[in-house]
Amino acid sequence: MSPAEATERQIELYRAMTGEQRLQIALDLHEFACNVTREGIRRQSPNATEEEVEQQLRHRIELGRQ
């Protein structure tokens, strides 16, 4: 299967899903991205508290909105 065919197939699968199913995928992807970012913050700042990690995460999310 070519990349273009795979993309088209994925689109077909998304279209067959309910809105609730698509929303759940989006929420899961958001949580996954936040967890990956948290781990990156922890690697960059190993002594950071959980509160500091969350502050950094919120800051990075805010930067992405600009």
PDB file of N, CA and C in Angstrom:
ATOM      1  N   MET A   1       0.851  -1.178   0.000  1.00  0.00           N
ATOM      2  CA  MET A   1       0.000   0.000   0.000  1.00  0.00           C
ATOM      3  C   MET A   1       0.896   1.240   0.000  1.00  0.00           C
ATOM      4  N   SER A   2       0.611   2.146  -0.886  1.00  0.00           N
ATOM      5  CA  SER A   2       1.391   3.384  -0.973  1.00  0.00           C
ATOM      6  C   SER A   2       0.972   4.342   0.140  1.00  0.00           C
ATOM      7  N   PRO A   3       1.808   5.333   0.421  1.00  0.00           N
ATOM      8  CA  PRO A   3       1.412   6.326   1.437  1.00  0.00           C
ATOM      9  C   PRO A   3       0.097   7.026   1.097  1.00  0.00           C
ATOM     10  N   ALA A   4      -0.102   7.333  -0.164  1.00  0.00           N
ATOM     11  CA  ALA A   4      -1.345   8.000  -0.567  1.00  0.00           C
ATOM     12  C   ALA A   4      -2.549   7.087  -0.333  1.00  0.00           C
ATOM     13  N   GLU A   5      -2.399   5.797  -0.653  1.00  0.00           N
ATOM     14  CA  GLU A   5      -3.481   4.841  -0.425  1.00  0.00           C
ATOM     15  C   GLU A   5      -3.763   4.670   1.065  1.00  0.00           C
ATOM     16  N   ALA A   6      -2.711   4.643   1.860  1.00  0.00           N
ATOM     17  CA  ALA A   6      -2.877   4.514   3.306  1.00  0.00           C
ATOM     18  C   ALA A   6      -3.608   5.727   3.875  1.00  0.00           C
ATOM     19  N   THR A   7      -3.255   6.910   3.395  1.00  0.00           N
ATOM     20  CA  THR A   7      -3.929   8.134   3.843  1.00  0.00           C
ATOM     21  C   THR A   7      -5.406   8.100   3.479  1.00  0.00           C
ATOM     22  N   GLU A   8      -5.705   7.698   2.251  1.00  0.00           N
ATOM     23  CA  GLU A   8      -7.099   7.621   1.814  1.00  0.00           C
ATOM     24  C   GLU A   8      -7.880   6.602   2.651  1.00  0.00           C
ATOM     25  N   ARG A   9      -7.262   5.481   2.943  1.00  0.00           N
ATOM     26  CA  ARG A   9      -7.925   4.455   3.765  1.00  0.00           C
ATOM     27  C   ARG A   9      -8.196   4.979   5.173  1.00  0.00           C
ATOM     28  N   GLN A  10      -7.216   5.698   5.725  1.00  0.00           N
ATOM     29  CA  GLN A  10      -7.401   6.266   7.069  1.00  0.00           C
ATOM     30  C   GLN A  10      -8.549   7.260   7.078  1.00  0.00           C
ATOM     31  N   ILE A  11      -8.633   8.076   6.050  1.00  0.00           N
ATOM     32  CA  ILE A  11      -9.733   9.043   5.944  1.00  0.00           C
ATOM     33  C   ILE A  11     -11.071   8.314   5.889  1.00  0.00           C
ATOM     34  N   GLU A  12     -11.129   7.237   5.124  1.00  0.00           N
ATOM     35  CA  GLU A  12     -12.365   6.440   5.042  1.00  0.00           C
ATOM     36  C   GLU A  12     -12.755   5.909   6.420  1.00  0.00           C
ATOM     37  N   LEU A  13     -11.767   5.418   7.158  1.00  0.00           N
ATOM     38  CA  LEU A  13     -12.055   4.888   8.493  1.00  0.00           C
ATOM     39  C   LEU A  13     -12.557   5.986   9.425  1.00  0.00           C
ATOM     40  N   TYR A  14     -11.948   7.168   9.369  1.00  0.00           N
ATOM     41  CA  TYR A  14     -12.408   8.278  10.204  1.00  0.00           C
ATOM     42  C   TYR A  14     -13.839   8.673   9.849  1.00  0.00           C
ATOM     43  N   ARG A  15     -14.138   8.698   8.570  1.00  0.00           N
ATOM     44  CA  ARG A  15     -15.487   9.080   8.136  1.00  0.00           C
ATOM     45  C   ARG A  15     -16.539   8.082   8.610  1.00  0.00           C
ATOM     46  N   ALA A  16     -16.136   6.837   8.772  1.00  0.00           N
ATOM     47  CA  ALA A  16     -17.076   5.807   9.219  1.00  0.00           C
ATOM     48  C   ALA A  16     -17.316   5.859  10.730  1.00  0.00           C
ATOM     49  N   MET A  17     -16.479   6.583  11.450  1.00  0.00           N
ATOM     50  CA  MET A  17     -16.606   6.680  12.906  1.00  0.00           C
ATOM     51  C   MET A  17     -17.670   7.696  13.293  1.00  0.00           C
ATOM     52  N   THR A  18     -18.150   7.531  14.502  1.00  0.00           N
ATOM     53  CA  THR A  18     -19.063   8.534  15.048  1.00  0.00           C
ATOM     54  C   THR A  18     -18.252   9.756  15.483  1.00  0.00           C
ATOM     55  N   GLY A  19     -18.924  10.846  15.682  1.00  0.00           N
ATOM     56  CA  GLY A  19     -18.261  12.044  16.193  1.00  0.00           C
ATOM     57  C   GLY A  19     -17.620  11.787  17.550  1.00  0.00           C
ATOM     58  N   GLU A  20     -18.300  11.002  18.362  1.00  0.00           N
ATOM     59  CA  GLU A  20     -17.769  10.671  19.688  1.00  0.00           C
ATOM     60  C   GLU A  20     -16.465   9.878  19.571  1.00  0.00           C
ATOM     61  N   GLN A  21     -16.409   8.956  18.634  1.00  0.00           N
ATOM     62  CA  GLN A  21     -15.182   8.168  18.438  1.00  0.00           C
ATOM     63  C   GLN A  21     -14.025   9.056  17.970  1.00  0.00           C
ATOM     64  N   ARG A  22     -14.312   9.949  17.048  1.00  0.00           N
ATOM     65  CA  ARG A  22     -13.259  10.858  16.556  1.00  0.00           C
ATOM     66  C   ARG A  22     -12.791  11.798  17.662  1.00  0.00           C
ATOM     67  N   LEU A  23     -13.728  12.272  18.475  1.00  0.00           N
ATOM     68  CA  LEU A  23     -13.365  13.134  19.588  1.00  0.00           C
ATOM     69  C   LEU A  23     -12.473  12.392  20.579  1.00  0.00           C
ATOM     70  N   GLN A  24     -12.800  11.130  20.861  1.00  0.00           N
ATOM     71  CA  GLN A  24     -11.986  10.341  21.786  1.00  0.00           C
ATOM     72  C   GLN A  24     -10.566  10.167  21.260  1.00  0.00           C
ATOM     73  N   ILE A  25     -10.426   9.957  19.959  1.00  0.00           N
ATOM     74  CA  ILE A  25      -9.091   9.855  19.362  1.00  0.00           C
ATOM     75  C   ILE A  25      -8.331  11.160  19.567  1.00  0.00           C
ATOM     76  N   ALA A  26      -8.992  12.287  19.329  1.00  0.00           N
ATOM     77  CA  ALA A  26      -8.340  13.583  19.499  1.00  0.00           C
ATOM     78  C   ALA A  26      -7.905  13.795  20.949  1.00  0.00           C
ATOM     79  N   LEU A  27      -8.763  13.454  21.883  1.00  0.00           N
ATOM     80  CA  LEU A  27      -8.430  13.615  23.304  1.00  0.00           C
ATOM     81  C   LEU A  27      -7.269  12.701  23.706  1.00  0.00           C
ATOM     82  N   ASP A  28      -7.286  11.470  23.188  1.00  0.00           N
ATOM     83  CA  ASP A  28      -6.193  10.532  23.475  1.00  0.00           C
ATOM     84  C   ASP A  28      -4.868  11.043  22.912  1.00  0.00           C
ATOM     85  N   LEU A  29      -4.905  11.585  21.698  1.00  0.00           N
ATOM     86  CA  LEU A  29      -3.687  12.128  21.095  1.00  0.00           C
ATOM     87  C   LEU A  29      -3.172  13.332  21.880  1.00  0.00           C
ATOM     88  N   HIS A  30      -4.091  14.164  22.359  1.00  0.00           N
ATOM     89  CA  HIS A  30      -3.689  15.317  23.161  1.00  0.00           C
ATOM     90  C   HIS A  30      -2.999  14.850  24.449  1.00  0.00           C
ATOM     91  N   GLU A  31      -3.583  13.884  25.115  1.00  0.00           N
ATOM     92  CA  GLU A  31      -2.999  13.372  26.356  1.00  0.00           C
ATOM     93  C   GLU A  31      -1.639  12.733  26.087  1.00  0.00           C
ATOM     94  N   PHE A  32      -1.528  11.997  24.990  1.00  0.00           N
ATOM     95  CA  PHE A  32      -0.253  11.391  24.621  1.00  0.00           C
ATOM     96  C   PHE A  32       0.801  12.472  24.402  1.00  0.00           C
ATOM     97  N   ALA A  33       0.441  13.521  23.661  1.00  0.00           N
ATOM     98  CA  ALA A  33       1.388  14.609  23.397  1.00  0.00           C
ATOM     99  C   ALA A  33       1.803  15.300  24.692  1.00  0.00           C
ATOM    100  N   CYS A  34       0.864  15.492  25.608  1.00  0.00           N
ATOM    101  CA  CYS A  34       1.198  16.108  26.898  1.00  0.00           C
ATOM    102  C   CYS A  34       2.160  15.225  27.684  1.00  0.00           C
ATOM    103  N   ASN A  35       1.931  13.919  27.671  1.00  0.00           N
ATOM    104  CA  ASN A  35       2.818  13.007  28.394  1.00  0.00           C
ATOM    105  C   ASN A  35       4.223  12.999  27.801  1.00  0.00           C
ATOM    106  N   VAL A  36       4.331  13.024  26.481  1.00  0.00           N
ATOM    107  CA  VAL A  36       5.638  13.080  25.834  1.00  0.00           C
ATOM    108  C   VAL A  36       6.346  14.382  26.204  1.00  0.00           C
ATOM    109  N   THR A  37       5.602  15.480  26.207  1.00  0.00           N
ATOM    110  CA  THR A  37       6.178  16.773  26.557  1.00  0.00           C
ATOM    111  C   THR A  37       6.615  16.792  28.014  1.00  0.00           C
ATOM    112  N   ARG A  38       5.820  16.234  28.903  1.00  0.00           N
ATOM    113  CA  ARG A  38       6.209  16.158  30.319  1.00  0.00           C
ATOM    114  C   ARG A  38       7.539  15.418  30.478  1.00  0.00           C
ATOM    115  N   GLU A  39       7.679  14.305  29.775  1.00  0.00           N
ATOM    116  CA  GLU A  39       8.925  13.538  29.864  1.00  0.00           C
ATOM    117  C   GLU A  39      10.104  14.354  29.342  1.00  0.00           C
ATOM    118  N   GLY A  40       9.884  15.106  28.294  1.00  0.00           N
ATOM    119  CA  GLY A  40      10.942  15.977  27.777  1.00  0.00           C
ATOM    120  C   GLY A  40      11.338  17.040  28.788  1.00  0.00           C
ATOM    121  N   ILE A  41      10.355  17.615  29.446  1.00  0.00           N
ATOM    122  CA  ILE A  41      10.620  18.623  30.475  1.00  0.00           C
ATOM    123  C   ILE A  41      11.408  17.993  31.620  1.00  0.00           C
ATOM    124  N   ARG A  42      11.019  16.801  32.022  1.00  0.00           N
ATOM    125  CA  ARG A  42      11.729  16.116  33.119  1.00  0.00           C
ATOM    126  C   ARG A  42      13.181  15.812  32.748  1.00  0.00           C
ATOM    127  N   ARG A  43      13.417  15.476  31.500  1.00  0.00           N
ATOM    128  CA  ARG A  43      14.803  15.213  31.063  1.00  0.00           C
ATOM    129  C   ARG A  43      15.624  16.494  31.048  1.00  0.00           C
ATOM    130  N   GLN A  44      14.985  17.585  30.648  1.00  0.00           N
ATOM    131  CA  GLN A  44      15.689  18.865  30.620  1.00  0.00           C
ATOM    132  C   GLN A  44      15.894  19.436  32.012  1.00  0.00           C
ATOM    133  N   SER A  45      14.974  19.172  32.900  1.00  0.00           N
ATOM    134  CA  SER A  45      15.016  19.709  34.264  1.00  0.00           C
ATOM    135  C   SER A  45      14.758  18.585  35.257  1.00  0.00           C
ATOM    136  N   PRO A  46      15.752  17.722  35.479  1.00  0.00           N
ATOM    137  CA  PRO A  46      15.525  16.541  36.327  1.00  0.00           C
ATOM    138  C   PRO A  46      15.150  16.854  37.771  1.00  0.00           C
ATOM    139  N   ASN A  47      15.448  18.038  38.256  1.00  0.00           N
ATOM    140  CA  ASN A  47      15.125  18.396  39.638  1.00  0.00           C
ATOM    141  C   ASN A  47      13.790  19.132  39.766  1.00  0.00           C
ATOM    142  N   ALA A  48      13.083  19.296  38.652  1.00  0.00           N
ATOM    143  CA  ALA A  48      11.811  20.021  38.679  1.00  0.00           C
ATOM    144  C   ALA A  48      10.763  19.221  39.447  1.00  0.00           C
ATOM    145  N   THR A  49       9.966  19.930  40.222  1.00  0.00           N
ATOM    146  CA  THR A  49       8.848  19.287  40.916  1.00  0.00           C
ATOM    147  C   THR A  49       7.732  19.027  39.899  1.00  0.00           C
ATOM    148  N   GLU A  50       6.761  18.216  40.295  1.00  0.00           N
ATOM    149  CA  GLU A  50       5.629  17.953  39.407  1.00  0.00           C
ATOM    150  C   GLU A  50       4.885  19.247  39.078  1.00  0.00           C
ATOM    151  N   GLU A  51       4.790  20.124  40.054  1.00  0.00           N
ATOM    152  CA  GLU A  51       4.129  21.416  39.817  1.00  0.00           C
ATOM    153  C   GLU A  51       4.897  22.225  38.772  1.00  0.00           C
ATOM    154  N   GLU A  52       6.215  22.226  38.866  1.00  0.00           N
ATOM    155  CA  GLU A  52       7.034  22.961  37.889  1.00  0.00           C
ATOM    156  C   GLU A  52       6.910  22.340  36.500  1.00  0.00           C
ATOM    157  N   VAL A  53       6.841  21.014  36.451  1.00  0.00           N
ATOM    158  CA  VAL A  53       6.672  20.343  35.160  1.00  0.00           C
ATOM    159  C   VAL A  53       5.340  20.770  34.535  1.00  0.00           C
ATOM    160  N   GLU A  54       4.289  20.784  35.323  1.00  0.00           N
ATOM    161  CA  GLU A  54       2.974  21.184  34.812  1.00  0.00           C
ATOM    162  C   GLU A  54       2.958  22.648  34.387  1.00  0.00           C
ATOM    163  N   GLN A  55       3.658  23.506  35.128  1.00  0.00           N
ATOM    164  CA  GLN A  55       3.746  24.915  34.739  1.00  0.00           C
ATOM    165  C   GLN A  55       4.447  25.054  33.394  1.00  0.00           C
ATOM    166  N   GLN A  56       5.540  24.312  33.227  1.00  0.00           N
ATOM    167  CA  GLN A  56       6.264  24.344  31.956  1.00  0.00           C
ATOM    168  C   GLN A  56       5.388  23.817  30.820  1.00  0.00           C
ATOM    169  N   LEU A  57       4.635  22.757  31.082  1.00  0.00           N
ATOM    170  CA  LEU A  57       3.735  22.206  30.073  1.00  0.00           C
ATOM    171  C   LEU A  57       2.706  23.246  29.651  1.00  0.00           C
ATOM    172  N   ARG A  58       2.073  23.886  30.635  1.00  0.00           N
ATOM    173  CA  ARG A  58       1.076  24.923  30.314  1.00  0.00           C
ATOM    174  C   ARG A  58       1.710  26.062  29.527  1.00  0.00           C
ATOM    175  N   HIS A  59       2.930  26.428  29.887  1.00  0.00           N
ATOM    176  CA  HIS A  59       3.643  27.497  29.177  1.00  0.00           C
ATOM    177  C   HIS A  59       3.871  27.092  27.716  1.00  0.00           C
ATOM    178  N   ARG A  60       4.303  25.863  27.495  1.00  0.00           N
ATOM    179  CA  ARG A  60       4.554  25.401  26.127  1.00  0.00           C
ATOM    180  C   ARG A  60       3.262  25.325  25.318  1.00  0.00           C
ATOM    181  N   ILE A  61       2.182  24.905  25.948  1.00  0.00           N
ATOM    182  CA  ILE A  61       0.898  24.876  25.255  1.00  0.00           C
ATOM    183  C   ILE A  61       0.491  26.284  24.859  1.00  0.00           C
ATOM    184  N   GLU A  62       0.682  27.220  25.782  1.00  0.00           N
ATOM    185  CA  GLU A  62       0.332  28.619  25.494  1.00  0.00           C
ATOM    186  C   GLU A  62       1.179  29.155  24.342  1.00  0.00           C
ATOM    187  N   LEU A  63       2.451  28.816  24.306  1.00  0.00           N
ATOM    188  CA  LEU A  63       3.305  29.253  23.195  1.00  0.00           C
ATOM    189  C   LEU A  63       2.777  28.740  21.862  1.00  0.00           C
ATOM    190  N   GLY A  64       2.240  27.540  21.874  1.00  0.00           N
ATOM    191  CA  GLY A  64       1.700  26.958  20.651  1.00  0.00           C
ATOM    192  C   GLY A  64       0.447  27.656  20.162  1.00  0.00           C
ATOM    193  N   ARG A  65      -0.231  28.361  21.014  1.00  0.00           N
ATOM    194  CA  ARG A  65      -1.454  29.072  20.638  1.00  0.00           C
ATOM    195  C   ARG A  65      -1.175  30.405  19.970  1.00  0.00           C
ATOM    196  N   GLN A  66       0.040  30.883  20.097  1.00  0.00           N
ATOM    197  CA  GLN A  66       0.363  32.214  19.567  1.00  0.00           C
ATOM    198  C   GLN A  66       0.657  32.188  18.092  1.00  0.00           C
TER     199      GLN A  66
END
